[in-house]
N, C-alpha and C. Protein backbone atom coordinates (compact mmCIF):
# COMPACT_ATOMS: atom_id res chain seq x y z
N MET A 1 -142.26 -146.58 39.61
CA MET A 1 -141.18 -145.81 39.00
C MET A 1 -141.67 -144.39 38.79
N THR A 2 -140.85 -143.45 39.14
CA THR A 2 -141.21 -142.06 38.88
C THR A 2 -140.90 -141.74 37.44
N GLN A 3 -141.66 -140.84 36.89
CA GLN A 3 -141.44 -140.46 35.51
C GLN A 3 -140.27 -139.50 35.43
N PRO A 4 -139.37 -139.71 34.46
CA PRO A 4 -138.21 -138.85 34.33
C PRO A 4 -138.58 -137.52 33.68
N GLN A 5 -137.71 -136.58 33.82
CA GLN A 5 -137.86 -135.35 33.07
C GLN A 5 -137.53 -135.67 31.63
N GLU A 6 -138.08 -134.89 30.70
CA GLU A 6 -137.73 -135.09 29.30
C GLU A 6 -136.27 -134.74 29.12
N GLY A 7 -135.65 -135.35 28.15
CA GLY A 7 -134.23 -135.13 27.89
C GLY A 7 -133.49 -136.42 28.12
N ARG A 8 -132.26 -136.31 28.54
CA ARG A 8 -131.43 -137.48 28.76
C ARG A 8 -131.98 -138.32 29.91
N ALA A 9 -132.00 -139.62 29.72
CA ALA A 9 -132.49 -140.53 30.74
C ALA A 9 -131.49 -140.61 31.90
N GLU A 10 -131.87 -141.35 32.92
CA GLU A 10 -131.03 -141.47 34.09
C GLU A 10 -129.74 -142.23 33.80
N THR A 11 -129.74 -143.08 32.79
CA THR A 11 -128.52 -143.79 32.43
C THR A 11 -127.55 -142.81 31.80
N ASP A 12 -126.25 -143.11 31.87
CA ASP A 12 -125.25 -142.18 31.37
C ASP A 12 -125.37 -141.93 29.88
N MET A 13 -125.46 -142.97 29.08
CA MET A 13 -125.52 -142.82 27.63
C MET A 13 -126.71 -143.61 27.11
N GLY A 14 -127.87 -143.11 27.37
CA GLY A 14 -129.03 -143.83 26.92
C GLY A 14 -130.25 -142.94 26.87
N VAL A 15 -131.33 -143.54 26.46
CA VAL A 15 -132.60 -142.84 26.37
C VAL A 15 -133.66 -143.63 27.12
N ARG A 16 -134.70 -142.94 27.48
CA ARG A 16 -135.87 -143.57 28.11
C ARG A 16 -137.02 -143.34 27.15
N LEU A 17 -137.48 -144.43 26.56
CA LEU A 17 -138.58 -144.36 25.59
C LEU A 17 -139.90 -144.60 26.30
N GLN A 18 -140.91 -143.92 25.85
CA GLN A 18 -142.27 -144.19 26.32
C GLN A 18 -143.04 -144.70 25.11
N LEU A 19 -143.36 -145.99 25.13
CA LEU A 19 -144.01 -146.62 23.99
C LEU A 19 -145.44 -147.01 24.31
N ASP A 20 -146.33 -146.77 23.36
CA ASP A 20 -147.70 -147.22 23.50
C ASP A 20 -147.75 -148.71 23.15
N ASP A 21 -148.94 -149.29 23.12
CA ASP A 21 -149.06 -150.72 22.84
C ASP A 21 -148.45 -151.09 21.49
N PHE A 22 -148.71 -150.27 20.48
CA PHE A 22 -148.15 -150.54 19.16
C PHE A 22 -146.62 -150.55 19.22
N GLY A 23 -146.04 -149.53 19.84
CA GLY A 23 -144.59 -149.44 19.95
C GLY A 23 -143.98 -150.60 20.72
N LYS A 24 -144.63 -150.99 21.82
CA LYS A 24 -144.13 -152.13 22.60
C LYS A 24 -144.16 -153.40 21.77
N GLU A 25 -145.27 -153.63 21.06
CA GLU A 25 -145.39 -154.83 20.23
C GLU A 25 -144.35 -154.82 19.11
N ALA A 26 -144.13 -153.67 18.50
CA ALA A 26 -143.15 -153.56 17.42
C ALA A 26 -141.74 -153.84 17.94
N LEU A 27 -141.42 -153.33 19.11
CA LEU A 27 -140.10 -153.57 19.70
C LEU A 27 -139.94 -155.04 20.05
N GLU A 28 -140.95 -155.63 20.64
CA GLU A 28 -140.89 -157.05 20.97
C GLU A 28 -140.73 -157.91 19.72
N ALA A 29 -141.41 -157.54 18.64
CA ALA A 29 -141.29 -158.29 17.39
C ALA A 29 -139.86 -158.24 16.86
N GLN A 30 -139.23 -157.08 16.93
CA GLN A 30 -137.85 -156.95 16.48
C GLN A 30 -136.91 -157.76 17.37
N MET A 31 -137.18 -157.80 18.66
CA MET A 31 -136.34 -158.55 19.59
C MET A 31 -136.50 -160.06 19.40
N ARG A 32 -137.68 -160.50 18.96
CA ARG A 32 -137.87 -161.94 18.69
C ARG A 32 -136.96 -162.41 17.56
N GLY A 33 -136.50 -161.48 16.74
CA GLY A 33 -135.57 -161.82 15.67
C GLY A 33 -134.15 -162.07 16.18
N GLY A 34 -133.94 -161.93 17.50
CA GLY A 34 -132.65 -162.24 18.08
C GLY A 34 -131.83 -161.03 18.50
N SER A 35 -132.34 -159.82 18.29
CA SER A 35 -131.61 -158.62 18.67
C SER A 35 -132.01 -158.17 20.07
N SER A 36 -131.10 -157.53 20.76
CA SER A 36 -131.42 -156.95 22.05
C SER A 36 -132.19 -155.65 21.85
N ARG A 37 -132.85 -155.19 22.91
CA ARG A 37 -133.57 -153.92 22.86
C ARG A 37 -132.62 -152.79 22.47
N ASP A 38 -131.43 -152.78 23.07
CA ASP A 38 -130.45 -151.73 22.77
C ASP A 38 -130.04 -151.76 21.30
N ALA A 39 -129.82 -152.96 20.77
CA ALA A 39 -129.40 -153.09 19.37
C ALA A 39 -130.50 -152.62 18.42
N VAL A 40 -131.74 -152.94 18.73
CA VAL A 40 -132.85 -152.53 17.87
C VAL A 40 -132.95 -151.00 17.83
N ILE A 41 -132.90 -150.37 18.99
CA ILE A 41 -133.03 -148.90 19.04
C ILE A 41 -131.80 -148.24 18.43
N ARG A 42 -130.62 -148.80 18.65
CA ARG A 42 -129.40 -148.26 18.03
C ARG A 42 -129.51 -148.30 16.51
N THR A 43 -129.94 -149.43 15.97
CA THR A 43 -130.09 -149.56 14.52
C THR A 43 -131.15 -148.59 14.01
N ALA A 44 -132.26 -148.47 14.74
CA ALA A 44 -133.32 -147.54 14.33
C ALA A 44 -132.81 -146.11 14.31
N ALA A 45 -132.05 -145.74 15.34
CA ALA A 45 -131.52 -144.37 15.41
C ALA A 45 -130.55 -144.11 14.26
N ARG A 46 -129.67 -145.05 14.01
CA ARG A 46 -128.71 -144.88 12.91
C ARG A 46 -129.42 -144.81 11.56
N TYR A 47 -130.42 -145.65 11.39
CA TYR A 47 -131.21 -145.64 10.15
C TYR A 47 -131.87 -144.28 9.96
N TYR A 48 -132.53 -143.82 11.00
CA TYR A 48 -133.22 -142.53 10.95
C TYR A 48 -132.25 -141.39 10.64
N LEU A 49 -131.15 -141.33 11.36
CA LEU A 49 -130.18 -140.24 11.17
C LEU A 49 -129.54 -140.28 9.79
N ALA A 50 -129.34 -141.47 9.25
CA ALA A 50 -128.75 -141.60 7.91
C ALA A 50 -129.71 -141.11 6.83
N ASP A 51 -130.98 -141.03 7.15
CA ASP A 51 -132.01 -140.62 6.19
C ASP A 51 -132.27 -139.11 6.25
N ARG A 52 -131.47 -138.40 6.98
CA ARG A 52 -131.67 -136.96 7.24
C ARG A 52 -131.90 -136.14 5.98
N ASP A 53 -131.14 -136.36 4.95
CA ASP A 53 -131.23 -135.55 3.73
C ASP A 53 -132.18 -136.13 2.68
N SER A 54 -133.03 -137.05 3.10
CA SER A 54 -133.93 -137.71 2.15
C SER A 54 -135.05 -136.79 1.65
N GLY A 55 -135.36 -135.77 2.42
CA GLY A 55 -136.46 -134.88 2.04
C GLY A 55 -137.83 -135.44 2.36
N ARG A 56 -137.89 -136.56 3.04
CA ARG A 56 -139.18 -137.17 3.38
C ARG A 56 -139.90 -136.35 4.45
N VAL A 57 -141.16 -136.12 4.26
CA VAL A 57 -141.96 -135.37 5.20
C VAL A 57 -141.99 -136.07 6.57
N ALA A 58 -142.02 -137.37 6.58
CA ALA A 58 -142.12 -138.13 7.83
C ALA A 58 -140.84 -138.11 8.65
N TRP A 59 -139.77 -137.57 8.10
CA TRP A 59 -138.50 -137.62 8.82
C TRP A 59 -138.52 -136.74 10.07
N ARG A 60 -138.98 -135.53 9.94
CA ARG A 60 -139.01 -134.60 11.08
C ARG A 60 -140.09 -135.02 12.08
N VAL A 61 -139.80 -134.87 13.36
CA VAL A 61 -140.77 -135.24 14.39
C VAL A 61 -141.98 -134.31 14.28
N PRO A 62 -143.17 -134.86 14.08
CA PRO A 62 -144.35 -134.00 13.98
C PRO A 62 -144.68 -133.34 15.32
N ARG A 63 -145.24 -132.16 15.26
CA ARG A 63 -145.57 -131.41 16.48
C ARG A 63 -146.53 -132.17 17.39
N PHE A 64 -147.46 -132.91 16.81
CA PHE A 64 -148.48 -133.56 17.63
C PHE A 64 -147.95 -134.69 18.50
N VAL A 65 -146.71 -135.15 18.30
CA VAL A 65 -146.17 -136.22 19.15
C VAL A 65 -145.16 -135.69 20.16
N ARG A 66 -145.10 -134.39 20.32
CA ARG A 66 -144.07 -133.83 21.20
C ARG A 66 -144.41 -133.90 22.68
N GLY A 67 -145.63 -134.23 23.04
CA GLY A 67 -145.99 -134.38 24.45
C GLY A 67 -145.86 -135.84 24.88
N ARG A 68 -146.00 -136.09 26.15
CA ARG A 68 -145.92 -137.44 26.70
C ARG A 68 -147.31 -138.02 26.91
N ASP A 69 -147.43 -139.32 26.70
CA ASP A 69 -148.66 -140.05 26.95
C ASP A 69 -148.55 -140.68 28.34
N PRO A 70 -149.38 -140.28 29.28
CA PRO A 70 -149.25 -140.82 30.64
C PRO A 70 -149.52 -142.32 30.72
N GLU A 71 -150.09 -142.91 29.68
CA GLU A 71 -150.41 -144.34 29.69
C GLU A 71 -149.30 -145.21 29.10
N GLY A 72 -148.33 -144.62 28.45
CA GLY A 72 -147.29 -145.41 27.79
C GLY A 72 -146.33 -146.06 28.78
N ALA A 73 -145.73 -147.17 28.38
CA ALA A 73 -144.76 -147.88 29.21
C ALA A 73 -143.36 -147.33 28.97
N TRP A 74 -142.57 -147.24 30.03
CA TRP A 74 -141.20 -146.72 29.94
C TRP A 74 -140.24 -147.85 29.64
N THR A 75 -139.29 -147.59 28.75
CA THR A 75 -138.26 -148.56 28.38
C THR A 75 -136.93 -147.84 28.33
N ASP A 76 -135.97 -148.29 29.14
CA ASP A 76 -134.63 -147.71 29.14
C ASP A 76 -133.76 -148.43 28.13
N VAL A 77 -132.99 -147.66 27.37
CA VAL A 77 -132.12 -148.21 26.33
C VAL A 77 -130.75 -147.56 26.46
N ASP A 78 -129.71 -148.38 26.45
CA ASP A 78 -128.34 -147.87 26.45
C ASP A 78 -127.84 -147.78 25.01
N LEU A 79 -127.17 -146.67 24.70
CA LEU A 79 -126.65 -146.45 23.36
C LEU A 79 -125.16 -146.12 23.43
N ASP A 80 -124.45 -146.42 22.36
CA ASP A 80 -123.04 -146.06 22.28
C ASP A 80 -122.91 -144.55 22.18
N ASP A 81 -121.74 -144.05 22.51
CA ASP A 81 -121.50 -142.61 22.54
C ASP A 81 -121.81 -141.92 21.22
N ASP A 82 -121.37 -142.50 20.10
CA ASP A 82 -121.57 -141.85 18.81
C ASP A 82 -123.05 -141.71 18.46
N THR A 83 -123.82 -142.77 18.70
CA THR A 83 -125.25 -142.73 18.40
C THR A 83 -125.95 -141.74 19.33
N MET A 84 -125.60 -141.77 20.59
CA MET A 84 -126.22 -140.85 21.55
C MET A 84 -125.90 -139.40 21.20
N ASP A 85 -124.65 -139.13 20.88
CA ASP A 85 -124.26 -137.77 20.52
C ASP A 85 -125.02 -137.28 19.28
N ALA A 86 -125.15 -138.15 18.28
CA ALA A 86 -125.86 -137.77 17.05
C ALA A 86 -127.34 -137.52 17.32
N LEU A 87 -127.95 -138.35 18.16
CA LEU A 87 -129.36 -138.14 18.52
C LEU A 87 -129.53 -136.83 19.28
N GLU A 88 -128.63 -136.55 20.22
CA GLU A 88 -128.73 -135.32 20.99
C GLU A 88 -128.59 -134.09 20.09
N GLU A 89 -127.66 -134.16 19.16
CA GLU A 89 -127.47 -133.04 18.24
C GLU A 89 -128.72 -132.79 17.40
N GLU A 90 -129.29 -133.86 16.86
CA GLU A 90 -130.50 -133.71 16.03
C GLU A 90 -131.68 -133.25 16.88
N ALA A 91 -131.78 -133.74 18.10
CA ALA A 91 -132.87 -133.31 18.99
C ALA A 91 -132.78 -131.80 19.24
N ARG A 92 -131.56 -131.30 19.43
CA ARG A 92 -131.38 -129.85 19.60
C ARG A 92 -131.83 -129.11 18.35
N ARG A 93 -131.48 -129.63 17.18
CA ARG A 93 -131.89 -128.98 15.92
C ARG A 93 -133.41 -128.89 15.80
N GLN A 94 -134.08 -129.97 16.23
CA GLN A 94 -135.54 -130.00 16.10
C GLN A 94 -136.25 -129.40 17.31
N GLY A 95 -135.52 -129.06 18.36
CA GLY A 95 -136.11 -128.45 19.53
C GLY A 95 -136.96 -129.39 20.36
N ILE A 96 -136.53 -130.65 20.44
CA ILE A 96 -137.28 -131.65 21.22
C ILE A 96 -136.31 -132.41 22.12
N ALA A 97 -136.86 -133.18 23.02
CA ALA A 97 -136.06 -134.02 23.91
C ALA A 97 -135.46 -135.19 23.12
N THR A 98 -134.28 -135.59 23.51
CA THR A 98 -133.60 -136.71 22.86
C THR A 98 -134.43 -137.99 22.94
N ASP A 99 -135.07 -138.20 24.09
CA ASP A 99 -135.90 -139.39 24.25
C ASP A 99 -137.02 -139.42 23.20
N ARG A 100 -137.64 -138.28 22.97
CA ARG A 100 -138.74 -138.20 22.00
C ARG A 100 -138.22 -138.47 20.58
N LEU A 101 -137.05 -137.95 20.27
CA LEU A 101 -136.48 -138.20 18.95
C LEU A 101 -136.19 -139.69 18.78
N ALA A 102 -135.69 -140.34 19.81
CA ALA A 102 -135.41 -141.78 19.73
C ALA A 102 -136.70 -142.57 19.50
N GLU A 103 -137.77 -142.16 20.15
CA GLU A 103 -139.08 -142.82 19.93
C GLU A 103 -139.51 -142.67 18.47
N HIS A 104 -139.39 -141.45 17.97
CA HIS A 104 -139.78 -141.19 16.58
C HIS A 104 -138.90 -141.99 15.62
N ALA A 105 -137.60 -142.02 15.90
CA ALA A 105 -136.67 -142.78 15.04
C ALA A 105 -137.06 -144.25 14.99
N PHE A 106 -137.44 -144.80 16.13
CA PHE A 106 -137.85 -146.20 16.16
C PHE A 106 -139.10 -146.43 15.32
N LEU A 107 -140.10 -145.58 15.46
CA LEU A 107 -141.34 -145.75 14.68
C LEU A 107 -141.10 -145.51 13.19
N TYR A 108 -140.25 -144.58 12.86
CA TYR A 108 -139.87 -144.32 11.47
C TYR A 108 -139.22 -145.58 10.87
N PHE A 109 -138.33 -146.18 11.63
CA PHE A 109 -137.63 -147.40 11.22
C PHE A 109 -138.62 -148.55 11.03
N VAL A 110 -139.51 -148.73 11.99
CA VAL A 110 -140.50 -149.82 11.91
C VAL A 110 -141.38 -149.64 10.68
N ALA A 111 -141.80 -148.41 10.40
CA ALA A 111 -142.63 -148.16 9.21
C ALA A 111 -141.87 -148.52 7.95
N ASP A 112 -140.59 -148.19 7.89
CA ASP A 112 -139.80 -148.51 6.70
C ASP A 112 -139.53 -150.01 6.59
N LEU A 113 -139.38 -150.69 7.71
CA LEU A 113 -139.25 -152.15 7.66
C LEU A 113 -140.53 -152.76 7.09
N ASP A 114 -141.66 -152.29 7.59
CA ASP A 114 -142.95 -152.82 7.16
C ASP A 114 -143.19 -152.58 5.67
N SER A 115 -142.76 -151.43 5.17
CA SER A 115 -142.98 -151.09 3.76
C SER A 115 -141.96 -151.73 2.83
N GLY A 116 -140.88 -152.25 3.39
CA GLY A 116 -139.81 -152.82 2.57
C GLY A 116 -138.74 -151.82 2.20
N ARG A 117 -138.92 -150.57 2.55
CA ARG A 117 -137.98 -149.50 2.21
C ARG A 117 -136.61 -149.70 2.87
N ALA A 118 -136.61 -150.25 4.09
CA ALA A 118 -135.36 -150.35 4.87
C ALA A 118 -134.48 -151.52 4.48
N GLY A 119 -135.02 -152.53 3.87
CA GLY A 119 -134.31 -153.77 3.61
C GLY A 119 -132.90 -153.67 3.07
N ALA A 120 -132.72 -152.98 1.99
CA ALA A 120 -131.41 -152.92 1.33
C ALA A 120 -130.39 -152.14 2.12
N ARG A 121 -130.84 -151.24 2.98
CA ARG A 121 -129.91 -150.37 3.72
C ARG A 121 -129.43 -150.97 5.04
N LEU A 122 -130.10 -151.98 5.56
CA LEU A 122 -129.77 -152.47 6.88
C LEU A 122 -128.34 -153.00 7.04
N PRO A 123 -127.81 -153.80 6.14
CA PRO A 123 -126.44 -154.28 6.36
C PRO A 123 -125.41 -153.15 6.51
N ALA A 124 -125.61 -152.04 5.86
CA ALA A 124 -124.67 -150.93 5.94
C ALA A 124 -124.73 -150.23 7.30
N LEU A 125 -125.80 -150.42 8.06
CA LEU A 125 -125.95 -149.75 9.34
C LEU A 125 -125.41 -150.55 10.51
N GLU A 126 -125.18 -151.81 10.33
CA GLU A 126 -124.73 -152.68 11.43
C GLU A 126 -123.35 -152.30 11.91
């Protein structure tokens, strides 16, 4: 597979994530709970975007993760129009590719699941 350009993936309304071993394992763990890859990333994106005004330092994509890791595995994810549009808008605000923002949103979500922070908010995001 050739590597895509940063930005919108080849699918019409989706992203192409590049996940390291930790990210792949975290995604697989969420999928073992019965959710599809698309549903997990959609929920992560909605969770992340809903936390925009939280003031948390970890919310904004850090500069050091803005490049690509040539060793990471590529994962294509389809998203609904509203989620994709919101991710694209926020990616423009932060000056990064939408795919990179989706990766960050997923890791932000996983960290909050692990800490217990996300628990009470999840039903409202479905």
